[in-house]
Amino acid sequence: MLFDKNGIFRLDELMTERPTFQKIMEDKIVTNEEVTTQANLVLSLLKDMEQTFSGEQLAKVEELLAEFGVLSAVYQYKQIQDIHQ
């Protein structure tokens, strides 16, 4: 489930439950190799989705990823902006 019973998006919970996140964070140090490995995993998942999802499903995934990217970028920009005010 993406949302809990109160309608709260569970992304943080879903992320921290992932074995990949737990393995990367077990020593509290994130290495370049771990980032590369995770990036490759994400690319592999995206390529698999591209092969198995319908055009309509892919369009929804593309929209979600693009808007999530926008959210991430503006959130980071806002944090930097707030530091300099």
PDB file of N, CA and C in Angstrom:
ATOM      1  N   MET A   1       0.833  -1.182   0.000  1.00  0.00           N
ATOM      2  CA  MET A   1       0.000   0.000   0.000  1.00  0.00           C
ATOM      3  C   MET A   1       0.878   1.247   0.000  1.00  0.00           C
ATOM      4  N   LEU A   2       0.526   2.184  -0.829  1.00  0.00           N
ATOM      5  CA  LEU A   2       1.285   3.434  -0.907  1.00  0.00           C
ATOM      6  C   LEU A   2       0.940   4.397   0.227  1.00  0.00           C
ATOM      7  N   PHE A   3      -0.296   4.293   0.737  1.00  0.00           N
ATOM      8  CA  PHE A   3      -0.759   5.212   1.773  1.00  0.00           C
ATOM      9  C   PHE A   3      -1.176   4.431   3.010  1.00  0.00           C
ATOM     10  N   ASP A   4      -0.954   5.024   4.194  1.00  0.00           N
ATOM     11  CA  ASP A   4      -1.397   4.376   5.420  1.00  0.00           C
ATOM     12  C   ASP A   4      -2.880   4.664   5.652  1.00  0.00           C
ATOM     13  N   LYS A   5      -3.426   4.175   6.763  1.00  0.00           N
ATOM     14  CA  LYS A   5      -4.863   4.321   7.030  1.00  0.00           C
ATOM     15  C   LYS A   5      -5.290   5.777   7.184  1.00  0.00           C
ATOM     16  N   ASN A   6      -4.330   6.673   7.453  1.00  0.00           N
ATOM     17  CA  ASN A   6      -4.631   8.096   7.594  1.00  0.00           C
ATOM     18  C   ASN A   6      -4.407   8.877   6.299  1.00  0.00           C
ATOM     19  N   GLY A   7      -4.076   8.158   5.225  1.00  0.00           N
ATOM     20  CA  GLY A   7      -3.870   8.802   3.939  1.00  0.00           C
ATOM     21  C   GLY A   7      -2.477   9.391   3.757  1.00  0.00           C
ATOM     22  N   ILE A   8      -1.538   9.021   4.628  1.00  0.00           N
ATOM     23  CA  ILE A   8      -0.160   9.524   4.550  1.00  0.00           C
ATOM     24  C   ILE A   8       0.641   8.632   3.600  1.00  0.00           C
ATOM     25  N   PHE A   9       1.323   9.266   2.659  1.00  0.00           N
ATOM     26  CA  PHE A   9       2.168   8.552   1.706  1.00  0.00           C
ATOM     27  C   PHE A   9       3.308   7.878   2.465  1.00  0.00           C
ATOM     28  N   ARG A  10       3.531   6.604   2.254  1.00  0.00           N
ATOM     29  CA  ARG A  10       4.470   5.800   3.023  1.00  0.00           C
ATOM     30  C   ARG A  10       5.839   5.640   2.365  1.00  0.00           C
ATOM     31  N   LEU A  11       6.278   6.580   1.546  1.00  0.00           N
ATOM     32  CA  LEU A  11       7.525   6.403   0.817  1.00  0.00           C
ATOM     33  C   LEU A  11       8.708   6.145   1.745  1.00  0.00           C
ATOM     34  N   ASP A  12       8.848   6.925   2.807  1.00  0.00           N
ATOM     35  CA  ASP A  12       9.968   6.716   3.728  1.00  0.00           C
ATOM     36  C   ASP A  12       9.940   5.315   4.323  1.00  0.00           C
ATOM     37  N   GLU A  13       8.768   4.867   4.718  1.00  0.00           N
ATOM     38  CA  GLU A  13       8.634   3.530   5.291  1.00  0.00           C
ATOM     39  C   GLU A  13       8.955   2.455   4.257  1.00  0.00           C
ATOM     40  N   LEU A  14       8.412   2.608   3.052  1.00  0.00           N
ATOM     41  CA  LEU A  14       8.681   1.638   1.994  1.00  0.00           C
ATOM     42  C   LEU A  14      10.172   1.571   1.680  1.00  0.00           C
ATOM     43  N   MET A  15      10.801   2.745   1.630  1.00  0.00           N
ATOM     44  CA  MET A  15      12.222   2.820   1.310  1.00  0.00           C
ATOM     45  C   MET A  15      13.062   2.132   2.390  1.00  0.00           C
ATOM     46  N   THR A  16      12.794   2.435   3.648  1.00  0.00           N
ATOM     47  CA  THR A  16      13.623   1.878   4.723  1.00  0.00           C
ATOM     48  C   THR A  16      13.407   0.384   4.914  1.00  0.00           C
ATOM     49  N   GLU A  17      12.303  -0.141   4.406  1.00  0.00           N
ATOM     50  CA  GLU A  17      12.062  -1.592   4.466  1.00  0.00           C
ATOM     51  C   GLU A  17      12.844  -2.353   3.401  1.00  0.00           C
ATOM     52  N   ARG A  18      13.335  -1.658   2.384  1.00  0.00           N
ATOM     53  CA  ARG A  18      14.029  -2.313   1.280  1.00  0.00           C
ATOM     54  C   ARG A  18      15.382  -2.866   1.739  1.00  0.00           C
ATOM     55  N   PRO A  19      15.678  -4.120   1.408  1.00  0.00           N
ATOM     56  CA  PRO A  19      16.981  -4.688   1.745  1.00  0.00           C
ATOM     57  C   PRO A  19      18.140  -3.884   1.156  1.00  0.00           C
ATOM     58  N   THR A  20      17.931  -3.298  -0.017  1.00  0.00           N
ATOM     59  CA  THR A  20      18.997  -2.510  -0.637  1.00  0.00           C
ATOM     60  C   THR A  20      19.348  -1.306   0.238  1.00  0.00           C
ATOM     61  N   PHE A  21      18.349  -0.612   0.757  1.00  0.00           N
ATOM     62  CA  PHE A  21      18.587   0.543   1.624  1.00  0.00           C
ATOM     63  C   PHE A  21      19.266   0.096   2.921  1.00  0.00           C
ATOM     64  N   GLN A  22      18.759  -0.965   3.506  1.00  0.00           N
ATOM     65  CA  GLN A  22      19.322  -1.456   4.769  1.00  0.00           C
ATOM     66  C   GLN A  22      20.790  -1.845   4.608  1.00  0.00           C
ATOM     67  N   LYS A  23      21.115  -2.513   3.490  1.00  0.00           N
ATOM     68  CA  LYS A  23      22.507  -2.920   3.259  1.00  0.00           C
ATOM     69  C   LYS A  23      23.409  -1.705   3.076  1.00  0.00           C
ATOM     70  N   ILE A  24      22.949  -0.734   2.285  1.00  0.00           N
ATOM     71  CA  ILE A  24      23.750   0.467   2.051  1.00  0.00           C
ATOM     72  C   ILE A  24      23.979   1.228   3.350  1.00  0.00           C
ATOM     73  N   MET A  25      22.971   1.299   4.195  1.00  0.00           N
ATOM     74  CA  MET A  25      23.045   2.129   5.394  1.00  0.00           C
ATOM     75  C   MET A  25      23.587   1.418   6.626  1.00  0.00           C
ATOM     76  N   GLU A  26      23.883   0.125   6.537  1.00  0.00           N
ATOM     77  CA  GLU A  26      24.294  -0.614   7.729  1.00  0.00           C
ATOM     78  C   GLU A  26      25.560  -0.051   8.376  1.00  0.00           C
ATOM     79  N   ASP A  27      26.478   0.495   7.599  1.00  0.00           N
ATOM     80  CA  ASP A  27      27.702   1.076   8.183  1.00  0.00           C
ATOM     81  C   ASP A  27      27.635   2.606   8.254  1.00  0.00           C
ATOM     82  N   LYS A  28      26.480   3.168   7.893  1.00  0.00           N
ATOM     83  CA  LYS A  28      26.240   4.623   7.942  1.00  0.00           C
ATOM     84  C   LYS A  28      27.133   5.419   6.987  1.00  0.00           C
ATOM     85  N   ILE A  29      27.720   4.745   6.015  1.00  0.00           N
ATOM     86  CA  ILE A  29      28.569   5.392   5.008  1.00  0.00           C
ATOM     87  C   ILE A  29      28.064   4.960   3.628  1.00  0.00           C
ATOM     88  N   VAL A  30      27.821   5.934   2.762  1.00  0.00           N
ATOM     89  CA  VAL A  30      27.376   5.641   1.408  1.00  0.00           C
ATOM     90  C   VAL A  30      28.559   5.859   0.470  1.00  0.00           C
ATOM     91  N   THR A  31      28.956   4.793  -0.210  1.00  0.00           N
ATOM     92  CA  THR A  31      30.101   4.865  -1.107  1.00  0.00           C
ATOM     93  C   THR A  31      29.647   5.128  -2.547  1.00  0.00           C
ATOM     94  N   ASN A  32      30.580   5.564  -3.369  1.00  0.00           N
ATOM     95  CA  ASN A  32      30.298   5.747  -4.796  1.00  0.00           C
ATOM     96  C   ASN A  32      29.842   4.437  -5.424  1.00  0.00           C
ATOM     97  N   GLU A  33      30.457   3.344  -5.018  1.00  0.00           N
ATOM     98  CA  GLU A  33      30.091   2.028  -5.555  1.00  0.00           C
ATOM     99  C   GLU A  33      28.648   1.680  -5.202  1.00  0.00           C
ATOM    100  N   GLU A  34      28.231   1.982  -3.981  1.00  0.00           N
ATOM    101  CA  GLU A  34      26.852   1.694  -3.575  1.00  0.00           C
ATOM    102  C   GLU A  34      25.859   2.544  -4.376  1.00  0.00           C
ATOM    103  N   VAL A  35      26.200   3.795  -4.610  1.00  0.00           N
ATOM    104  CA  VAL A  35      25.337   4.661  -5.405  1.00  0.00           C
ATOM    105  C   VAL A  35      25.242   4.121  -6.829  1.00  0.00           C
ATOM    106  N   THR A  36      26.366   3.726  -7.392  1.00  0.00           N
ATOM    107  CA  THR A  36      26.378   3.182  -8.756  1.00  0.00           C
ATOM    108  C   THR A  36      25.569   1.892  -8.834  1.00  0.00           C
ATOM    109  N   THR A  37      25.747   1.026  -7.866  1.00  0.00           N
ATOM    110  CA  THR A  37      25.000  -0.236  -7.838  1.00  0.00           C
ATOM    111  C   THR A  37      23.505   0.026  -7.749  1.00  0.00           C
ATOM    112  N   GLN A  38      23.104   0.974  -6.895  1.00  0.00           N
ATOM    113  CA  GLN A  38      21.684   1.294  -6.756  1.00  0.00           C
ATOM    114  C   GLN A  38      21.146   1.932  -8.032  1.00  0.00           C
ATOM    115  N   ALA A  39      21.922   2.805  -8.645  1.00  0.00           N
ATOM    116  CA  ALA A  39      21.507   3.434  -9.904  1.00  0.00           C
ATOM    117  C   ALA A  39      21.316   2.370 -10.985  1.00  0.00           C
ATOM    118  N   ASN A  40      22.223   1.409 -11.045  1.00  0.00           N
ATOM    119  CA  ASN A  40      22.101   0.332 -12.025  1.00  0.00           C
ATOM    120  C   ASN A  40      20.866  -0.526 -11.774  1.00  0.00           C
ATOM    121  N   LEU A  41      20.549  -0.766 -10.501  1.00  0.00           N
ATOM    122  CA  LEU A  41      19.342  -1.522 -10.157  1.00  0.00           C
ATOM    123  C   LEU A  41      18.100  -0.770 -10.636  1.00  0.00           C
ATOM    124  N   VAL A  42      18.050   0.528 -10.373  1.00  0.00           N
ATOM    125  CA  VAL A  42      16.905   1.336 -10.794  1.00  0.00           C
ATOM    126  C   VAL A  42      16.774   1.319 -12.319  1.00  0.00           C
ATOM    127  N   LEU A  43      17.892   1.482 -13.023  1.00  0.00           N
ATOM    128  CA  LEU A  43      17.858   1.431 -14.488  1.00  0.00           C
ATOM    129  C   LEU A  43      17.356   0.076 -14.987  1.00  0.00           C
ATOM    130  N   SER A  44      17.780  -0.986 -14.336  1.00  0.00           N
ATOM    131  CA  SER A  44      17.339  -2.329 -14.713  1.00  0.00           C
ATOM    132  C   SER A  44      15.825  -2.467 -14.510  1.00  0.00           C
ATOM    133  N   LEU A  45      15.320  -1.956 -13.399  1.00  0.00           N
ATOM    134  CA  LEU A  45      13.882  -2.015 -13.137  1.00  0.00           C
ATOM    135  C   LEU A  45      13.104  -1.206 -14.175  1.00  0.00           C
ATOM    136  N   LEU A  46      13.621  -0.039 -14.525  1.00  0.00           N
ATOM    137  CA  LEU A  46      12.959   0.789 -15.530  1.00  0.00           C
ATOM    138  C   LEU A  46      12.942   0.102 -16.891  1.00  0.00           C
ATOM    139  N   LYS A  47      14.055  -0.521 -17.264  1.00  0.00           N
ATOM    140  CA  LYS A  47      14.119  -1.232 -18.544  1.00  0.00           C
ATOM    141  C   LYS A  47      13.157  -2.411 -18.560  1.00  0.00           C
ATOM    142  N   ASP A  48      13.035  -3.097 -17.426  1.00  0.00           N
ATOM    143  CA  ASP A  48      12.096  -4.206 -17.324  1.00  0.00           C
ATOM    144  C   ASP A  48      10.661  -3.695 -17.477  1.00  0.00           C
ATOM    145  N   MET A  49      10.338  -2.575 -16.832  1.00  0.00           N
ATOM    146  CA  MET A  49       9.008  -1.994 -16.947  1.00  0.00           C
ATOM    147  C   MET A  49       8.719  -1.597 -18.392  1.00  0.00           C
ATOM    148  N   GLU A  50       9.731  -1.052 -19.066  1.00  0.00           N
ATOM    149  CA  GLU A  50       9.556  -0.636 -20.450  1.00  0.00           C
ATOM    150  C   GLU A  50       9.205  -1.829 -21.342  1.00  0.00           C
ATOM    151  N   GLN A  51       9.737  -2.987 -21.006  1.00  0.00           N
ATOM    152  CA  GLN A  51       9.478  -4.195 -21.787  1.00  0.00           C
ATOM    153  C   GLN A  51       8.140  -4.846 -21.452  1.00  0.00           C
ATOM    154  N   THR A  52       7.656  -4.658 -20.209  1.00  0.00           N
ATOM    155  CA  THR A  52       6.476  -5.415 -19.778  1.00  0.00           C
ATOM    156  C   THR A  52       5.213  -4.580 -19.610  1.00  0.00           C
ATOM    157  N   PHE A  53       5.330  -3.275 -19.435  1.00  0.00           N
ATOM    158  CA  PHE A  53       4.147  -2.433 -19.229  1.00  0.00           C
ATOM    159  C   PHE A  53       3.539  -2.042 -20.570  1.00  0.00           C
ATOM    160  N   SER A  54       2.246  -1.798 -20.552  1.00  0.00           N
ATOM    161  CA  SER A  54       1.568  -1.290 -21.741  1.00  0.00           C
ATOM    162  C   SER A  54       1.971   0.172 -21.952  1.00  0.00           C
ATOM    163  N   GLY A  55       1.669   0.694 -23.129  1.00  0.00           N
ATOM    164  CA  GLY A  55       1.966   2.097 -23.418  1.00  0.00           C
ATOM    165  C   GLY A  55       1.297   3.039 -22.436  1.00  0.00           C
ATOM    166  N   GLU A  56       0.049   2.740 -22.061  1.00  0.00           N
ATOM    167  CA  GLU A  56      -0.681   3.570 -21.104  1.00  0.00           C
ATOM    168  C   GLU A  56      -0.021   3.517 -19.722  1.00  0.00           C
ATOM    169  N   GLN A  57       0.382   2.318 -19.300  1.00  0.00           N
ATOM    170  CA  GLN A  57       1.057   2.183 -18.005  1.00  0.00           C
ATOM    171  C   GLN A  57       2.386   2.931 -18.012  1.00  0.00           C
ATOM    172  N   LEU A  58       3.129   2.793 -19.099  1.00  0.00           N
ATOM    173  CA  LEU A  58       4.414   3.491 -19.202  1.00  0.00           C
ATOM    174  C   LEU A  58       4.235   5.002 -19.164  1.00  0.00           C
ATOM    175  N   ALA A  59       3.194   5.499 -19.785  1.00  0.00           N
ATOM    176  CA  ALA A  59       2.934   6.939 -19.768  1.00  0.00           C
ATOM    177  C   ALA A  59       2.679   7.422 -18.345  1.00  0.00           C
ATOM    178  N   LYS A  60       1.964   6.628 -17.553  1.00  0.00           N
ATOM    179  CA  LYS A  60       1.702   7.000 -16.153  1.00  0.00           C
ATOM    180  C   LYS A  60       2.991   6.958 -15.332  1.00  0.00           C
ATOM    181  N   VAL A  61       3.809   5.938 -15.551  1.00  0.00           N
ATOM    182  CA  VAL A  61       5.093   5.845 -14.848  1.00  0.00           C
ATOM    183  C   VAL A  61       5.981   7.021 -15.230  1.00  0.00           C
ATOM    184  N   GLU A  62       6.023   7.347 -16.526  1.00  0.00           N
ATOM    185  CA  GLU A  62       6.833   8.467 -16.992  1.00  0.00           C
ATOM    186  C   GLU A  62       6.369   9.772 -16.340  1.00  0.00           C
ATOM    187  N   GLU A  63       5.072   9.984 -16.297  1.00  0.00           N
ATOM    188  CA  GLU A  63       4.536  11.195 -15.667  1.00  0.00           C
ATOM    189  C   GLU A  63       4.907  11.241 -14.185  1.00  0.00           C
ATOM    190  N   LEU A  64       4.734  10.118 -13.489  1.00  0.00           N
ATOM    191  CA  LEU A  64       5.063  10.053 -12.069  1.00  0.00           C
ATOM    192  C   LEU A  64       6.536  10.344 -11.828  1.00  0.00           C
ATOM    193  N   LEU A  65       7.414   9.705 -12.593  1.00  0.00           N
ATOM    194  CA  LEU A  65       8.852   9.913 -12.408  1.00  0.00           C
ATOM    195  C   LEU A  65       9.253  11.348 -12.716  1.00  0.00           C
ATOM    196  N   ALA A  66       8.688  11.913 -13.768  1.00  0.00           N
ATOM    197  CA  ALA A  66       9.008  13.296 -14.130  1.00  0.00           C
ATOM    198  C   ALA A  66       8.544  14.259 -13.039  1.00  0.00           C
ATOM    199  N   GLU A  67       7.322  14.085 -12.552  1.00  0.00           N
ATOM    200  CA  GLU A  67       6.805  14.984 -11.517  1.00  0.00           C
ATOM    201  C   GLU A  67       7.522  14.776 -10.186  1.00  0.00           C
ATOM    202  N   PHE A  68       7.924  13.536  -9.900  1.00  0.00           N
ATOM    203  CA  PHE A  68       8.702  13.274  -8.694  1.00  0.00           C
ATOM    204  C   PHE A  68      10.066  13.954  -8.808  1.00  0.00           C
ATOM    205  N   GLY A  69      10.643  13.926 -10.008  1.00  0.00           N
ATOM    206  CA  GLY A  69      11.902  14.624 -10.246  1.00  0.00           C
ATOM    207  C   GLY A  69      11.758  16.116 -10.053  1.00  0.00           C
ATOM    208  N   VAL A  70      10.657  16.682 -10.549  1.00  0.00           N
ATOM    209  CA  VAL A  70      10.389  18.112 -10.340  1.00  0.00           C
ATOM    210  C   VAL A  70      10.280  18.408  -8.852  1.00  0.00           C
ATOM    211  N   LEU A  71       9.521  17.601  -8.124  1.00  0.00           N
ATOM    212  CA  LEU A  71       9.374  17.800  -6.687  1.00  0.00           C
ATOM    213  C   LEU A  71      10.719  17.748  -5.983  1.00  0.00           C
ATOM    214  N   SER A  72      11.525  16.771  -6.316  1.00  0.00           N
ATOM    215  CA  SER A  72      12.845  16.630  -5.693  1.00  0.00           C
ATOM    216  C   SER A  72      13.722  17.843  -5.984  1.00  0.00           C
ATOM    217  N   ALA A  73      13.730  18.284  -7.226  1.00  0.00           N
ATOM    218  CA  ALA A  73      14.568  19.421  -7.621  1.00  0.00           C
ATOM    219  C   ALA A  73      14.125  20.707  -6.927  1.00  0.00           C
ATOM    220  N   VAL A  74      12.806  20.979  -6.917  1.00  0.00           N
ATOM    221  CA  VAL A  74      12.360  22.227  -6.298  1.00  0.00           C
ATOM    222  C   VAL A  74      12.491  22.181  -4.781  1.00  0.00           C
ATOM    223  N   TYR A  75      12.356  20.986  -4.198  1.00  0.00           N
ATOM    224  CA  TYR A  75      12.556  20.841  -2.747  1.00  0.00           C
ATOM    225  C   TYR A  75      14.007  21.157  -2.388  1.00  0.00           C
ATOM    226  N   GLN A  76      14.943  20.605  -3.149  1.00  0.00           N
ATOM    227  CA  GLN A  76      16.362  20.879  -2.892  1.00  0.00           C
ATOM    228  C   GLN A  76      16.679  22.348  -3.129  1.00  0.00           C
ATOM    229  N   TYR A  77      16.130  22.927  -4.180  1.00  0.00           N
ATOM    230  CA  TYR A  77      16.354  24.338  -4.469  1.00  0.00           C
ATOM    231  C   TYR A  77      15.805  25.201  -3.340  1.00  0.00           C
ATOM    232  N   LYS A  78      14.623  24.837  -2.836  1.00  0.00           N
ATOM    233  CA  LYS A  78      14.012  25.585  -1.728  1.00  0.00           C
ATOM    234  C   LYS A  78      14.882  25.515  -0.484  1.00  0.00           C
ATOM    235  N   GLN A  79      15.447  24.352  -0.185  1.00  0.00           N
ATOM    236  CA  GLN A  79      16.324  24.219   0.975  1.00  0.00           C
ATOM    237  C   GLN A  79      17.554  25.114   0.831  1.00  0.00           C
ATOM    238  N   ILE A  80      18.166  25.136  -0.335  1.00  0.00           N
ATOM    239  CA  ILE A  80      19.330  25.998  -0.586  1.00  0.00           C
ATOM    240  C   ILE A  80      18.922  27.457  -0.488  1.00  0.00           C
ATOM    241  N   GLN A  81      17.793  27.781  -1.074  1.00  0.00           N
ATOM    242  CA  GLN A  81      17.274  29.151  -1.033  1.00  0.00           C
ATOM    243  C   GLN A  81      17.053  29.603   0.410  1.00  0.00           C
ATOM    244  N   ASP A  82      16.479  28.745   1.248  1.00  0.00           N
ATOM    245  CA  ASP A  82      16.215  29.084   2.647  1.00  0.00           C
ATOM    246  C   ASP A  82      17.505  29.303   3.438  1.00  0.00           C
ATOM    247  N   ILE A  83      18.560  28.567   3.089  1.00  0.00           N
ATOM    248  CA  ILE A  83      19.851  28.731   3.774  1.00  0.00           C
ATOM    249  C   ILE A  83      20.431  30.105   3.498  1.00  0.00           C
ATOM    250  N   HIS A  84      20.218  30.607   2.303  1.00  0.00           N
ATOM    251  CA  HIS A  84      20.819  31.883   1.882  1.00  0.00           C
ATOM    252  C   HIS A  84      19.939  33.090   2.180  1.00  0.00           C
ATOM    253  N   GLN A  85      18.832  32.900   2.853  1.00  0.00           N
ATOM    254  CA  GLN A  85      17.972  34.041   3.187  1.00  0.00           C
ATOM    255  C   GLN A  85      18.290  34.581   4.558  1.00  0.00           C
TER     256      GLN A  85
END
